[in-house]
N, C-alpha and C. Protein backbone atom coordinates (compact mmCIF):
# COMPACT_ATOMS: atom_id res chain seq x y z
N MET A 1 -47.97 5.61 24.06
CA MET A 1 -46.66 6.19 24.28
C MET A 1 -45.58 5.12 24.28
N GLN A 2 -45.81 4.01 25.01
CA GLN A 2 -44.83 2.94 25.07
C GLN A 2 -44.64 2.31 23.69
N THR A 3 -45.71 2.15 22.94
CA THR A 3 -45.63 1.58 21.60
C THR A 3 -44.81 2.49 20.69
N SER A 4 -44.99 3.79 20.85
CA SER A 4 -44.24 4.75 20.04
C SER A 4 -42.74 4.68 20.34
N LEU A 5 -42.38 4.57 21.63
CA LEU A 5 -40.97 4.46 22.00
C LEU A 5 -40.36 3.17 21.48
N ILE A 6 -41.08 2.07 21.55
CA ILE A 6 -40.58 0.78 21.05
C ILE A 6 -40.38 0.86 19.54
N ALA A 7 -41.33 1.47 18.83
CA ALA A 7 -41.22 1.60 17.38
C ALA A 7 -40.02 2.47 17.00
N THR A 8 -39.81 3.56 17.75
CA THR A 8 -38.68 4.44 17.48
C THR A 8 -37.37 3.72 17.74
N ALA A 9 -37.28 3.01 18.86
CA ALA A 9 -36.06 2.27 19.19
C ALA A 9 -35.79 1.19 18.15
N ALA A 10 -36.82 0.50 17.73
CA ALA A 10 -36.66 -0.54 16.71
C ALA A 10 -36.18 0.07 15.39
N GLY A 11 -36.73 1.22 15.03
CA GLY A 11 -36.32 1.89 13.81
C GLY A 11 -34.87 2.33 13.85
N ILE A 12 -34.45 2.87 14.98
CA ILE A 12 -33.05 3.29 15.14
C ILE A 12 -32.14 2.07 15.08
N GLY A 13 -32.52 1.01 15.76
CA GLY A 13 -31.72 -0.21 15.74
C GLY A 13 -31.60 -0.79 14.35
N LEU A 14 -32.70 -0.81 13.60
CA LEU A 14 -32.70 -1.32 12.24
C LEU A 14 -31.83 -0.45 11.33
N ALA A 15 -31.93 0.87 11.49
CA ALA A 15 -31.13 1.78 10.68
C ALA A 15 -29.64 1.57 10.96
N ALA A 16 -29.28 1.38 12.22
CA ALA A 16 -27.87 1.14 12.57
C ALA A 16 -27.39 -0.17 11.97
N LEU A 17 -28.21 -1.20 12.02
CA LEU A 17 -27.86 -2.49 11.47
C LEU A 17 -27.68 -2.42 9.96
N VAL A 18 -28.58 -1.76 9.27
CA VAL A 18 -28.51 -1.64 7.82
C VAL A 18 -27.27 -0.85 7.41
N SER A 19 -26.94 0.21 8.14
CA SER A 19 -25.78 1.02 7.76
C SER A 19 -24.48 0.28 7.98
N CYS A 20 -24.43 -0.69 8.89
CA CYS A 20 -23.21 -1.45 9.14
C CYS A 20 -23.09 -2.68 8.26
N ALA A 21 -24.19 -3.20 7.76
CA ALA A 21 -24.19 -4.47 7.05
C ALA A 21 -23.25 -4.52 5.85
N PRO A 22 -23.21 -3.53 4.96
CA PRO A 22 -22.32 -3.65 3.81
C PRO A 22 -20.85 -3.75 4.21
N ALA A 23 -20.42 -2.99 5.19
CA ALA A 23 -19.02 -3.04 5.59
C ALA A 23 -18.69 -4.39 6.21
N LEU A 24 -19.59 -4.94 7.00
CA LEU A 24 -19.33 -6.22 7.64
C LEU A 24 -19.41 -7.37 6.65
N ALA A 25 -20.37 -7.33 5.75
CA ALA A 25 -20.57 -8.42 4.82
C ALA A 25 -19.62 -8.34 3.63
N GLY A 26 -19.05 -7.18 3.35
CA GLY A 26 -18.29 -6.98 2.13
C GLY A 26 -16.80 -7.26 2.21
N ASP A 27 -16.26 -7.55 3.38
CA ASP A 27 -14.82 -7.75 3.50
C ASP A 27 -14.48 -9.16 3.93
N ILE A 28 -13.37 -9.64 3.40
CA ILE A 28 -12.77 -10.88 3.89
C ILE A 28 -11.52 -10.46 4.65
N ASN A 29 -11.44 -10.85 5.90
CA ASN A 29 -10.28 -10.59 6.73
C ASN A 29 -9.50 -11.90 6.85
N TYR A 30 -8.49 -12.06 6.01
CA TYR A 30 -7.73 -13.30 5.99
C TYR A 30 -6.52 -13.21 6.91
N ARG A 31 -6.29 -14.27 7.66
CA ARG A 31 -5.08 -14.39 8.50
C ARG A 31 -4.52 -15.78 8.33
N ASN A 32 -3.27 -15.86 7.91
CA ASN A 32 -2.60 -17.13 7.73
C ASN A 32 -2.15 -17.67 9.10
N GLU A 33 -2.59 -18.87 9.43
CA GLU A 33 -2.27 -19.45 10.73
C GLU A 33 -0.79 -19.81 10.87
N ARG A 34 -0.16 -20.18 9.78
CA ARG A 34 1.24 -20.62 9.85
C ARG A 34 2.18 -19.46 10.18
N TYR A 35 2.02 -18.32 9.49
CA TYR A 35 2.94 -17.21 9.67
C TYR A 35 2.33 -15.95 10.26
N GLY A 36 1.02 -15.90 10.39
CA GLY A 36 0.36 -14.73 10.95
C GLY A 36 0.14 -13.60 9.96
N THR A 37 0.44 -13.83 8.70
CA THR A 37 0.22 -12.82 7.66
C THR A 37 -1.26 -12.52 7.55
N SER A 38 -1.63 -11.26 7.43
CA SER A 38 -3.05 -10.92 7.31
C SER A 38 -3.26 -9.76 6.35
N ALA A 39 -4.47 -9.73 5.79
CA ALA A 39 -4.89 -8.64 4.92
C ALA A 39 -6.40 -8.69 4.78
N THR A 40 -6.98 -7.59 4.35
CA THR A 40 -8.43 -7.47 4.17
C THR A 40 -8.72 -7.00 2.75
N PHE A 41 -9.76 -7.59 2.15
CA PHE A 41 -10.15 -7.20 0.80
C PHE A 41 -11.64 -7.40 0.62
N PRO A 42 -12.25 -6.71 -0.36
CA PRO A 42 -13.70 -6.83 -0.58
C PRO A 42 -14.07 -8.17 -1.22
N SER A 43 -14.94 -8.90 -0.57
CA SER A 43 -15.33 -10.23 -1.04
C SER A 43 -16.03 -10.17 -2.40
N GLU A 44 -16.74 -9.09 -2.69
CA GLU A 44 -17.45 -9.02 -3.97
C GLU A 44 -16.48 -8.90 -5.16
N GLU A 45 -15.26 -8.43 -4.92
CA GLU A 45 -14.27 -8.32 -6.00
C GLU A 45 -13.54 -9.64 -6.24
N PHE A 46 -13.38 -10.45 -5.20
CA PHE A 46 -12.66 -11.72 -5.29
C PHE A 46 -13.48 -12.80 -4.57
N PRO A 47 -14.60 -13.23 -5.16
CA PRO A 47 -15.52 -14.13 -4.44
C PRO A 47 -15.12 -15.61 -4.43
N ASN A 48 -14.23 -16.02 -5.30
CA ASN A 48 -13.94 -17.45 -5.44
C ASN A 48 -12.59 -17.82 -4.83
N ARG A 49 -12.63 -18.57 -3.73
CA ARG A 49 -11.38 -19.01 -3.09
C ARG A 49 -10.72 -20.07 -3.96
N LEU A 50 -9.42 -19.92 -4.16
CA LEU A 50 -8.65 -20.88 -4.94
C LEU A 50 -8.18 -22.03 -4.04
N PRO A 51 -7.82 -23.16 -4.61
CA PRO A 51 -7.33 -24.27 -3.79
C PRO A 51 -6.11 -23.84 -2.97
N ALA A 52 -6.07 -24.28 -1.72
CA ALA A 52 -4.98 -23.92 -0.82
C ALA A 52 -3.72 -24.69 -1.17
N PRO A 53 -2.55 -24.05 -1.08
CA PRO A 53 -1.31 -24.79 -1.29
C PRO A 53 -1.09 -25.77 -0.13
N THR A 54 -0.43 -26.84 -0.39
CA THR A 54 -0.23 -27.86 0.65
C THR A 54 0.71 -27.40 1.74
N ASN A 55 1.55 -26.41 1.48
CA ASN A 55 2.52 -25.97 2.48
C ASN A 55 1.95 -24.99 3.50
N GLY A 56 0.72 -24.51 3.31
CA GLY A 56 0.09 -23.61 4.28
C GLY A 56 0.66 -22.21 4.30
N ASP A 57 1.31 -21.79 3.22
CA ASP A 57 1.94 -20.47 3.19
C ASP A 57 0.96 -19.32 2.98
N GLY A 58 -0.24 -19.59 2.44
CA GLY A 58 -1.19 -18.52 2.17
C GLY A 58 -2.38 -19.03 1.39
N LEU A 59 -3.16 -18.09 0.86
CA LEU A 59 -4.34 -18.42 0.06
C LEU A 59 -4.50 -17.43 -1.08
N GLY A 60 -5.33 -17.83 -2.03
CA GLY A 60 -5.65 -16.96 -3.15
C GLY A 60 -7.14 -16.98 -3.43
N TRP A 61 -7.62 -15.92 -4.07
CA TRP A 61 -9.01 -15.79 -4.47
C TRP A 61 -9.05 -15.25 -5.89
N ALA A 62 -10.14 -15.50 -6.58
CA ALA A 62 -10.28 -15.04 -7.96
C ALA A 62 -11.65 -14.44 -8.18
N SER A 63 -11.75 -13.65 -9.24
CA SER A 63 -13.04 -13.10 -9.64
C SER A 63 -13.44 -13.75 -10.96
N PRO A 64 -14.73 -13.75 -11.28
CA PRO A 64 -15.17 -14.30 -12.57
C PRO A 64 -14.58 -13.58 -13.78
N ASP A 65 -14.16 -12.31 -13.60
CA ASP A 65 -13.62 -11.54 -14.72
C ASP A 65 -12.11 -11.68 -14.91
N GLY A 66 -11.46 -12.55 -14.13
CA GLY A 66 -10.04 -12.83 -14.34
C GLY A 66 -9.07 -12.17 -13.37
N ALA A 67 -9.54 -11.43 -12.39
CA ALA A 67 -8.66 -10.84 -11.38
C ALA A 67 -8.35 -11.87 -10.30
N GLN A 68 -7.19 -11.72 -9.67
CA GLN A 68 -6.78 -12.63 -8.61
C GLN A 68 -6.08 -11.85 -7.50
N ILE A 69 -6.17 -12.40 -6.28
CA ILE A 69 -5.43 -11.85 -5.15
C ILE A 69 -4.81 -13.02 -4.40
N PHE A 70 -3.55 -12.84 -3.98
CA PHE A 70 -2.84 -13.86 -3.22
C PHE A 70 -2.24 -13.20 -1.99
N ILE A 71 -2.41 -13.84 -0.83
CA ILE A 71 -1.85 -13.34 0.42
C ILE A 71 -1.05 -14.50 1.01
N TYR A 72 0.23 -14.26 1.28
CA TYR A 72 1.08 -15.36 1.71
C TYR A 72 2.33 -14.84 2.41
N ALA A 73 3.12 -15.76 2.93
CA ALA A 73 4.42 -15.44 3.51
C ALA A 73 5.37 -16.58 3.19
N ARG A 74 6.65 -16.28 3.32
CA ARG A 74 7.66 -17.30 3.12
C ARG A 74 8.89 -16.93 3.93
N PRO A 75 9.65 -17.95 4.31
CA PRO A 75 10.90 -17.65 5.02
C PRO A 75 11.87 -16.91 4.11
N ASN A 76 12.62 -16.01 4.69
CA ASN A 76 13.66 -15.30 3.95
C ASN A 76 14.98 -16.02 4.17
N ASN A 77 15.10 -17.19 3.56
CA ASN A 77 16.29 -18.01 3.75
C ASN A 77 17.48 -17.54 2.93
N GLY A 78 17.23 -16.80 1.88
CA GLY A 78 18.31 -16.40 0.99
C GLY A 78 18.85 -15.01 1.24
N GLY A 79 18.50 -14.39 2.33
CA GLY A 79 18.97 -13.04 2.60
C GLY A 79 18.41 -12.01 1.65
N GLU A 80 17.17 -12.21 1.20
CA GLU A 80 16.56 -11.26 0.28
C GLU A 80 16.36 -9.91 0.95
N THR A 81 16.37 -8.87 0.14
CA THR A 81 16.13 -7.51 0.61
C THR A 81 15.02 -6.90 -0.24
N PRO A 82 14.46 -5.79 0.20
CA PRO A 82 13.46 -5.13 -0.65
C PRO A 82 13.99 -4.85 -2.06
N LYS A 83 15.21 -4.39 -2.17
CA LYS A 83 15.80 -4.09 -3.49
C LYS A 83 15.98 -5.36 -4.33
N SER A 84 16.36 -6.48 -3.68
CA SER A 84 16.56 -7.70 -4.46
C SER A 84 15.25 -8.28 -4.97
N VAL A 85 14.17 -8.12 -4.20
CA VAL A 85 12.85 -8.58 -4.66
C VAL A 85 12.44 -7.79 -5.90
N ILE A 86 12.65 -6.49 -5.87
CA ILE A 86 12.33 -5.65 -7.04
C ILE A 86 13.19 -6.08 -8.23
N GLY A 87 14.47 -6.33 -7.99
CA GLY A 87 15.36 -6.77 -9.06
C GLY A 87 14.93 -8.10 -9.66
N ASP A 88 14.47 -9.02 -8.82
CA ASP A 88 13.98 -10.31 -9.31
C ASP A 88 12.77 -10.12 -10.22
N ARG A 89 11.86 -9.25 -9.81
CA ARG A 89 10.67 -8.99 -10.64
C ARG A 89 11.08 -8.37 -11.96
N ALA A 90 12.00 -7.43 -11.92
CA ALA A 90 12.42 -6.75 -13.15
C ALA A 90 13.13 -7.69 -14.12
N SER A 91 13.69 -8.79 -13.60
CA SER A 91 14.37 -9.72 -14.50
C SER A 91 13.40 -10.66 -15.21
N THR A 92 12.17 -10.78 -14.70
CA THR A 92 11.19 -11.69 -15.32
C THR A 92 9.93 -11.00 -15.83
N ASP A 93 9.63 -9.81 -15.34
CA ASP A 93 8.40 -9.11 -15.68
C ASP A 93 8.71 -7.71 -16.21
N ARG A 94 7.72 -7.09 -16.83
CA ARG A 94 7.89 -5.69 -17.27
C ARG A 94 7.43 -4.80 -16.12
N VAL A 95 8.37 -4.30 -15.36
CA VAL A 95 8.09 -3.47 -14.19
C VAL A 95 7.91 -2.03 -14.63
N THR A 96 6.80 -1.43 -14.18
CA THR A 96 6.53 -0.03 -14.51
C THR A 96 6.58 0.89 -13.30
N TYR A 97 6.62 0.30 -12.09
CA TYR A 97 6.69 1.08 -10.86
C TYR A 97 7.33 0.24 -9.78
N ASP A 98 8.20 0.87 -8.99
CA ASP A 98 8.73 0.21 -7.80
C ASP A 98 9.11 1.25 -6.77
N ALA A 99 9.06 0.84 -5.53
CA ALA A 99 9.46 1.69 -4.41
C ALA A 99 9.85 0.75 -3.28
N SER A 100 10.74 1.22 -2.40
CA SER A 100 11.14 0.37 -1.28
C SER A 100 11.70 1.21 -0.15
N GLY A 101 11.74 0.57 1.01
CA GLY A 101 12.34 1.14 2.20
C GLY A 101 13.20 0.06 2.84
N ASN A 102 13.54 0.24 4.10
CA ASN A 102 14.38 -0.76 4.78
C ASN A 102 13.68 -2.10 4.97
N SER A 103 12.36 -2.09 5.14
CA SER A 103 11.65 -3.34 5.45
C SER A 103 10.41 -3.57 4.60
N TRP A 104 10.34 -2.92 3.45
CA TRP A 104 9.18 -3.10 2.57
C TRP A 104 9.55 -2.82 1.12
N ALA A 105 8.74 -3.37 0.24
CA ALA A 105 8.91 -3.12 -1.20
C ALA A 105 7.55 -3.18 -1.86
N VAL A 106 7.40 -2.39 -2.92
CA VAL A 106 6.21 -2.40 -3.77
C VAL A 106 6.71 -2.47 -5.20
N VAL A 107 6.10 -3.32 -5.98
CA VAL A 107 6.48 -3.44 -7.38
C VAL A 107 5.24 -3.75 -8.21
N SER A 108 5.14 -3.12 -9.38
CA SER A 108 3.99 -3.39 -10.25
C SER A 108 4.43 -3.31 -11.70
N GLY A 109 3.59 -3.85 -12.55
CA GLY A 109 3.88 -3.85 -13.97
C GLY A 109 3.01 -4.86 -14.67
N TYR A 110 3.60 -5.58 -15.63
CA TYR A 110 2.85 -6.54 -16.45
C TYR A 110 3.53 -7.90 -16.41
N ARG A 111 2.72 -8.94 -16.20
CA ARG A 111 3.17 -10.33 -16.20
C ARG A 111 2.12 -11.18 -16.90
N ASP A 112 2.55 -11.93 -17.87
CA ASP A 112 1.65 -12.86 -18.57
C ASP A 112 0.38 -12.17 -19.07
N GLY A 113 0.51 -10.95 -19.59
CA GLY A 113 -0.62 -10.22 -20.14
C GLY A 113 -1.54 -9.58 -19.12
N LYS A 114 -1.19 -9.66 -17.84
CA LYS A 114 -2.00 -9.03 -16.78
C LYS A 114 -1.19 -7.97 -16.06
N ILE A 115 -1.90 -7.02 -15.47
CA ILE A 115 -1.28 -6.05 -14.57
C ILE A 115 -1.07 -6.75 -13.23
N PHE A 116 0.07 -6.52 -12.61
CA PHE A 116 0.28 -7.04 -11.26
C PHE A 116 0.73 -5.91 -10.34
N TYR A 117 0.39 -6.05 -9.08
CA TYR A 117 0.82 -5.12 -8.04
C TYR A 117 1.14 -5.96 -6.82
N GLU A 118 2.36 -5.84 -6.30
CA GLU A 118 2.78 -6.65 -5.16
C GLU A 118 3.38 -5.77 -4.08
N ARG A 119 3.06 -6.11 -2.84
CA ARG A 119 3.63 -5.42 -1.68
C ARG A 119 4.28 -6.49 -0.81
N TYR A 120 5.46 -6.19 -0.32
CA TYR A 120 6.22 -7.11 0.53
C TYR A 120 6.58 -6.39 1.82
N ILE A 121 6.44 -7.11 2.94
CA ILE A 121 6.88 -6.59 4.23
C ILE A 121 7.88 -7.60 4.79
N PHE A 122 9.06 -7.12 5.13
CA PHE A 122 10.11 -7.96 5.70
C PHE A 122 10.05 -7.84 7.22
N ARG A 123 9.79 -8.96 7.89
CA ARG A 123 9.70 -8.99 9.35
C ARG A 123 10.46 -10.21 9.86
N GLY A 124 11.48 -9.98 10.67
CA GLY A 124 12.27 -11.09 11.18
C GLY A 124 12.79 -11.92 10.02
N GLY A 125 12.57 -13.20 10.06
CA GLY A 125 13.02 -14.09 9.00
C GLY A 125 11.96 -14.38 7.97
N LEU A 126 10.92 -13.55 7.90
CA LEU A 126 9.81 -13.78 6.98
C LEU A 126 9.62 -12.64 6.00
N ILE A 127 9.06 -12.99 4.84
CA ILE A 127 8.61 -11.99 3.87
C ILE A 127 7.12 -12.20 3.70
N HIS A 128 6.32 -11.23 4.13
CA HIS A 128 4.86 -11.26 4.01
C HIS A 128 4.50 -10.56 2.71
N SER A 129 3.57 -11.14 1.96
CA SER A 129 3.29 -10.60 0.63
C SER A 129 1.80 -10.57 0.30
N ILE A 130 1.45 -9.63 -0.55
CA ILE A 130 0.12 -9.59 -1.15
C ILE A 130 0.32 -9.24 -2.62
N SER A 131 -0.39 -9.97 -3.48
CA SER A 131 -0.26 -9.77 -4.91
C SER A 131 -1.65 -9.69 -5.52
N ILE A 132 -1.87 -8.68 -6.34
CA ILE A 132 -3.14 -8.53 -7.05
C ILE A 132 -2.83 -8.51 -8.54
N ARG A 133 -3.58 -9.31 -9.30
CA ARG A 133 -3.39 -9.41 -10.76
C ARG A 133 -4.74 -9.25 -11.44
N TYR A 134 -4.74 -8.54 -12.58
CA TYR A 134 -6.00 -8.34 -13.30
C TYR A 134 -5.72 -7.96 -14.75
N PRO A 135 -6.68 -8.28 -15.62
CA PRO A 135 -6.52 -7.92 -17.04
C PRO A 135 -6.48 -6.40 -17.21
N PRO A 136 -5.68 -5.91 -18.16
CA PRO A 136 -5.63 -4.47 -18.41
C PRO A 136 -6.99 -3.86 -18.73
N SER A 137 -7.90 -4.63 -19.31
CA SER A 137 -9.23 -4.10 -19.63
C SER A 137 -10.03 -3.75 -18.37
N LEU A 138 -9.59 -4.24 -17.20
CA LEU A 138 -10.30 -3.97 -15.95
C LEU A 138 -9.56 -2.95 -15.07
N ARG A 139 -8.63 -2.25 -15.67
CA ARG A 139 -7.81 -1.29 -14.93
C ARG A 139 -8.65 -0.27 -14.16
N SER A 140 -9.69 0.27 -14.78
CA SER A 140 -10.49 1.31 -14.11
C SER A 140 -11.22 0.76 -12.89
N GLU A 141 -11.51 -0.52 -12.87
CA GLU A 141 -12.19 -1.14 -11.73
C GLU A 141 -11.22 -1.49 -10.61
N TYR A 142 -10.05 -2.04 -10.95
CA TYR A 142 -9.14 -2.57 -9.93
C TYR A 142 -8.05 -1.60 -9.48
N ASP A 143 -7.61 -0.68 -10.33
CA ASP A 143 -6.58 0.27 -9.91
C ASP A 143 -6.95 1.01 -8.61
N PRO A 144 -8.20 1.48 -8.45
CA PRO A 144 -8.53 2.20 -7.21
C PRO A 144 -8.53 1.29 -5.97
N LEU A 145 -8.60 -0.01 -6.14
CA LEU A 145 -8.63 -0.94 -5.01
C LEU A 145 -7.23 -1.32 -4.53
N VAL A 146 -6.26 -1.25 -5.42
CA VAL A 146 -4.92 -1.76 -5.13
C VAL A 146 -4.32 -1.14 -3.87
N GLY A 147 -4.25 0.16 -3.79
CA GLY A 147 -3.66 0.83 -2.63
C GLY A 147 -4.36 0.49 -1.32
N PRO A 148 -5.68 0.71 -1.24
CA PRO A 148 -6.37 0.40 0.01
C PRO A 148 -6.24 -1.07 0.44
N ILE A 149 -6.28 -2.00 -0.51
CA ILE A 149 -6.17 -3.42 -0.16
C ILE A 149 -4.75 -3.74 0.30
N THR A 150 -3.74 -3.37 -0.47
CA THR A 150 -2.37 -3.77 -0.13
C THR A 150 -1.86 -3.10 1.15
N LYS A 151 -2.42 -1.96 1.50
CA LYS A 151 -2.01 -1.30 2.75
C LYS A 151 -2.54 -2.02 3.98
N THR A 152 -3.44 -2.98 3.81
CA THR A 152 -3.92 -3.75 4.96
C THR A 152 -2.99 -4.92 5.30
N LEU A 153 -1.98 -5.17 4.48
CA LEU A 153 -1.05 -6.28 4.73
C LEU A 153 -0.33 -6.08 6.05
N ARG A 154 -0.35 -7.13 6.87
CA ARG A 154 0.33 -7.12 8.17
C ARG A 154 1.05 -8.44 8.34
N GLY A 155 2.08 -8.41 9.16
CA GLY A 155 2.80 -9.63 9.49
C GLY A 155 3.56 -9.47 10.79
N PRO A 156 3.51 -10.49 11.65
CA PRO A 156 4.28 -10.40 12.89
C PRO A 156 5.77 -10.48 12.61
N SER A 157 6.57 -10.08 13.57
CA SER A 157 8.01 -10.02 13.36
C SER A 157 8.71 -11.35 13.62
N ARG A 158 8.01 -12.34 14.13
CA ARG A 158 8.65 -13.62 14.39
C ARG A 158 7.99 -14.73 13.58
N GLU A 159 8.75 -15.78 13.35
CA GLU A 159 8.19 -16.94 12.62
C GLU A 159 7.30 -17.73 13.55
N GLY A 160 6.39 -18.49 12.89
CA GLY A 160 5.54 -19.42 13.64
C GLY A 160 4.30 -18.81 14.00
């Protein structure tokens, strides 16, 4: 009887562990120490960390198939607004979608032969950002990830 209970408990414990493992092992939860910017994304889609910038503003990751993700923040020294960020993108890139509110902006389109999707959150004197880029041939793989990943972007309202 005792052996049966131990076996049952072990089986339940193993089943719980196995069911949680993919979610725990599959995500990278990045938080920038300098500005507190954070976001979560699947590690299997972007397994290769890119070299860190010397200024500590954020990090980037890449996939073997040419997709990239960048999570970063920067001071809003120039009085940028959600509308001005969209306007800047439209002046250099082929923008196919944009939306904004008082403290956020989303813009996507084509840059350098790749699809890009960027989300910006304006908090205090900072602009927190996440950018995903991928070849058009991978649209069916990455388009479904864009919304769920970029909605994880967070940033505190104060600098430092």
